[in-house]
């Protein structure tokens, strides 16, 4: 890995350089695919209100478009370097954890098909007869893109089923789309 170490408004001491090289080596041990690293130490004398005049900027790059940056200010350069490297290490660990988790996605279950067999418009519910047999309750709130006025016995619908308090209940009831050849 290519490593750049620079300083602005302050002379680089051998102790800081050794600290940076050691911490960069520690990062590389855990993440051997790092391609580039840059550390910039800056003395910000313009911060008159703040006692934090030491700033450490750490930038590391991974293959692809992954760049991690941490900028930390402190009273001493040693503390700023330590905090910046710790922050980058945390971000790299989060990336590794995210990459290591495997999310298994299952295909959505296709909607069931059936016909309206009983309607109770004043009460706001009805029953559907599933293909293959069996009645399924539905409420008017489950209707999508149609209303009770659009329904009559024998209307073909598609729906999903969930287990309700008193048995199977239809959710997301909608008219079957007819595909013309």
Protein backbone atom coordinates (compact mmCIF):
# COMPACT_ATOMS: atom_id res chain seq x y z
CA UNK A 1 0.00 0.00 0.00
CA UNK A 2 1.15 3.48 -0.82
CA UNK A 3 1.32 5.75 2.28
CA UNK A 4 1.74 9.52 2.24
CA UNK A 5 2.58 11.42 5.42
CA UNK A 6 2.69 15.20 5.44
CA UNK A 7 2.45 18.11 7.83
CA UNK A 8 1.30 21.70 7.51
CA UNK A 9 2.31 24.62 9.73
CA UNK A 10 4.29 22.25 11.96
CA UNK A 11 7.47 20.23 11.62
CA UNK A 12 7.03 16.44 11.51
CA UNK A 13 8.72 14.77 14.45
CA UNK A 14 10.15 11.24 14.23
CA UNK A 15 7.81 10.17 17.07
CA UNK A 16 4.68 11.25 15.16
CA UNK A 17 5.92 9.64 11.96
CA UNK A 18 6.61 6.36 13.79
CA UNK A 19 3.15 6.49 15.43
CA UNK A 20 1.50 7.02 12.02
CA UNK A 21 3.50 4.23 10.35
CA UNK A 22 2.69 1.81 13.19
CA UNK A 23 -1.02 2.59 13.11
CA UNK A 24 -1.12 2.33 9.32
CA UNK A 25 0.60 -1.07 9.57
CA UNK A 26 -2.04 -2.15 12.12
CA UNK A 27 -4.80 -1.14 9.69
CA UNK A 28 -3.11 -3.09 6.90
CA UNK A 29 -2.86 -6.24 9.03
CA UNK A 30 -6.62 -6.33 9.47
CA UNK A 31 -7.44 -5.08 5.98
CA UNK A 32 -4.91 -6.30 3.45
CA UNK A 33 -6.82 -4.84 0.50
CA UNK A 34 -6.11 -1.18 1.40
CA UNK A 35 -4.69 0.51 -1.69
CA UNK A 36 -3.73 3.98 -0.46
CA UNK A 37 -3.29 5.85 2.80
CA UNK A 38 -2.66 9.51 3.50
CA UNK A 39 -2.14 11.26 6.82
CA UNK A 40 -1.92 15.02 7.16
CA UNK A 41 -1.04 16.76 10.41
CA UNK A 42 -2.00 20.42 10.60
CA UNK A 43 -1.44 23.01 13.29
CA UNK A 44 -4.41 25.36 13.33
CA UNK A 45 -3.18 28.49 15.04
CA UNK A 46 -6.32 30.31 13.91
CA UNK A 47 -8.47 28.58 16.53
CA UNK A 48 -8.08 31.23 19.24
CA UNK A 49 -11.20 30.18 21.14
CA UNK A 50 -10.41 26.49 21.01
CA UNK A 51 -7.48 24.82 22.72
CA UNK A 52 -7.53 22.10 20.04
CA UNK A 53 -4.84 23.27 17.64
CA UNK A 54 -3.59 19.83 16.56
CA UNK A 55 -5.48 18.24 13.68
CA UNK A 56 -4.97 14.81 12.14
CA UNK A 57 -6.58 13.83 8.84
CA UNK A 58 -6.47 10.14 7.88
CA UNK A 59 -7.67 8.98 4.45
CA UNK A 60 -7.60 5.33 3.36
CA UNK A 61 -8.85 3.84 0.11
CA UNK A 62 -10.09 0.38 -0.77
CA UNK A 63 -10.64 -1.06 -4.23
CA UNK A 64 -13.75 0.28 -5.86
CA UNK A 65 -15.16 3.52 -4.63
CA UNK A 66 -14.58 3.06 -0.92
CA UNK A 67 -12.74 5.95 0.72
CA UNK A 68 -12.74 6.45 4.47
CA UNK A 69 -11.81 9.77 6.00
CA UNK A 70 -11.41 10.83 9.62
CA UNK A 71 -10.46 14.32 10.78
CA UNK A 72 -9.89 14.76 14.49
CA UNK A 73 -8.74 17.78 16.49
CA UNK A 74 -7.15 17.66 19.92
CA UNK A 75 -4.70 19.50 22.15
CA UNK A 76 -1.85 17.17 21.14
CA UNK A 77 -0.94 15.57 17.85
CA UNK A 78 -0.57 12.16 19.50
CA UNK A 79 -4.17 12.22 20.70
CA UNK A 80 -5.46 13.54 17.36
CA UNK A 81 -3.58 10.78 15.46
CA UNK A 82 -4.93 8.10 17.80
CA UNK A 83 -8.54 9.34 17.53
CA UNK A 84 -8.41 9.64 13.73
CA UNK A 85 -7.01 6.13 13.27
CA UNK A 86 -9.54 4.71 15.73
CA UNK A 87 -12.37 6.33 13.77
CA UNK A 88 -11.10 4.88 10.47
CA UNK A 89 -10.71 1.44 12.07
CA UNK A 90 -14.33 1.56 13.25
CA UNK A 91 -15.57 2.46 9.75
CA UNK A 92 -13.52 -0.33 8.18
CA UNK A 93 -14.90 -2.80 10.73
CA UNK A 94 -18.46 -1.71 9.92
CA UNK A 95 -17.78 -2.25 6.20
CA UNK A 96 -16.41 -5.75 6.86
CA UNK A 97 -19.40 -6.64 9.02
CA UNK A 98 -21.77 -5.39 6.35
CA UNK A 99 -19.99 -7.41 3.68
CA UNK A 100 -19.94 -10.54 5.83
CA UNK A 101 -23.66 -10.67 6.52
CA UNK A 102 -25.58 -12.56 3.91
CA UNK A 103 -29.12 -11.52 3.31
CA UNK A 104 -31.26 -14.22 1.81
CA UNK A 105 -34.09 -12.84 -0.20
CA UNK A 106 -36.99 -15.03 -1.08
CA UNK A 107 -39.26 -14.41 -4.01
CA UNK A 108 -42.58 -12.90 -3.00
CA UNK A 109 -45.39 -15.39 -2.88
CA UNK A 110 -47.62 -15.04 -5.90
CA UNK A 111 -51.09 -13.78 -5.10
CA UNK A 112 -53.89 -16.28 -4.90
CA UNK A 113 -56.77 -16.14 -7.30
CA UNK A 114 -60.44 -16.59 -6.68
CA UNK A 115 -63.91 -15.18 -7.13
CA UNK A 116 -66.20 -13.14 -4.93
CA UNK A 117 -68.82 -15.50 -3.49
CA UNK A 118 -70.57 -13.50 -0.71
CA UNK A 119 -70.84 -9.73 -0.24
CA UNK A 120 -72.10 -7.77 2.73
CA UNK A 121 -71.73 -4.13 1.54
CA UNK A 122 -73.60 -2.57 4.49
CA UNK A 123 -71.23 -4.29 6.93
CA UNK A 124 -68.14 -3.70 4.76
CA UNK A 125 -66.93 -7.26 4.29
CA UNK A 126 -67.30 -10.33 2.12
CA UNK A 127 -65.93 -13.76 1.29
CA UNK A 128 -63.82 -15.02 -1.58
CA UNK A 129 -63.80 -18.55 -2.95
CA UNK A 130 -60.18 -19.61 -3.54
CA UNK A 131 -59.19 -21.61 -6.61
CA UNK A 132 -59.03 -25.14 -5.31
CA UNK A 133 -61.74 -24.50 -2.69
CA UNK A 134 -62.10 -22.79 0.63
CA UNK A 135 -63.56 -19.45 1.62
CA UNK A 136 -61.47 -16.49 2.72
CA UNK A 137 -62.80 -13.45 4.57
CA UNK A 138 -61.98 -9.93 3.32
CA UNK A 139 -62.67 -6.46 4.68
CA UNK A 140 -63.40 -3.37 2.56
CA UNK A 141 -60.04 -1.86 3.66
CA UNK A 142 -58.25 -4.70 1.81
CA UNK A 143 -59.66 -3.60 -1.55
CA UNK A 144 -57.10 -1.94 -3.81
CA UNK A 145 -58.13 -0.09 -6.94
CA UNK A 146 -61.79 -1.07 -6.58
CA UNK A 147 -64.72 -0.58 -4.24
CA UNK A 148 -67.70 -2.61 -3.12
CA UNK A 149 -69.72 -0.98 -5.92
CA UNK A 150 -67.34 -2.61 -8.43
CA UNK A 151 -67.80 -6.08 -6.94
CA UNK A 152 -70.50 -8.64 -7.51
CA UNK A 153 -70.75 -12.39 -7.09
CA UNK A 154 -68.40 -14.10 -9.54
CA UNK A 155 -65.94 -11.17 -9.94
CA UNK A 156 -62.43 -12.58 -10.43
CA UNK A 157 -59.85 -11.20 -7.98
CA UNK A 158 -56.26 -11.78 -6.89
CA UNK A 159 -55.31 -11.54 -3.22
CA UNK A 160 -52.83 -12.49 -0.54
CA UNK A 161 -53.79 -14.38 2.59
CA UNK A 162 -52.73 -13.85 6.20
CA UNK A 163 -53.94 -15.68 9.26
CA UNK A 164 -56.51 -13.50 11.04
CA UNK A 165 -58.12 -13.81 14.47
CA UNK A 166 -60.88 -16.09 13.18
CA UNK A 167 -59.07 -17.82 10.31
CA UNK A 168 -57.61 -16.90 6.91
CA UNK A 169 -58.07 -13.28 5.88
CA UNK A 170 -57.48 -11.76 2.44
CA UNK A 171 -55.17 -8.76 2.14
CA UNK A 172 -54.59 -6.55 -0.89
CA UNK A 173 -57.61 -7.68 -2.92
CA UNK A 174 -57.50 -6.39 -6.49
CA UNK A 175 -59.09 -7.18 -9.82
CA UNK A 176 -57.34 -9.82 -11.92
CA UNK A 177 -55.62 -8.14 -14.84
CA UNK A 178 -56.64 -9.71 -18.11
CA UNK A 179 -53.84 -10.04 -20.65
CA UNK A 180 -55.06 -9.94 -24.22
CA UNK A 181 -52.95 -11.79 -26.83
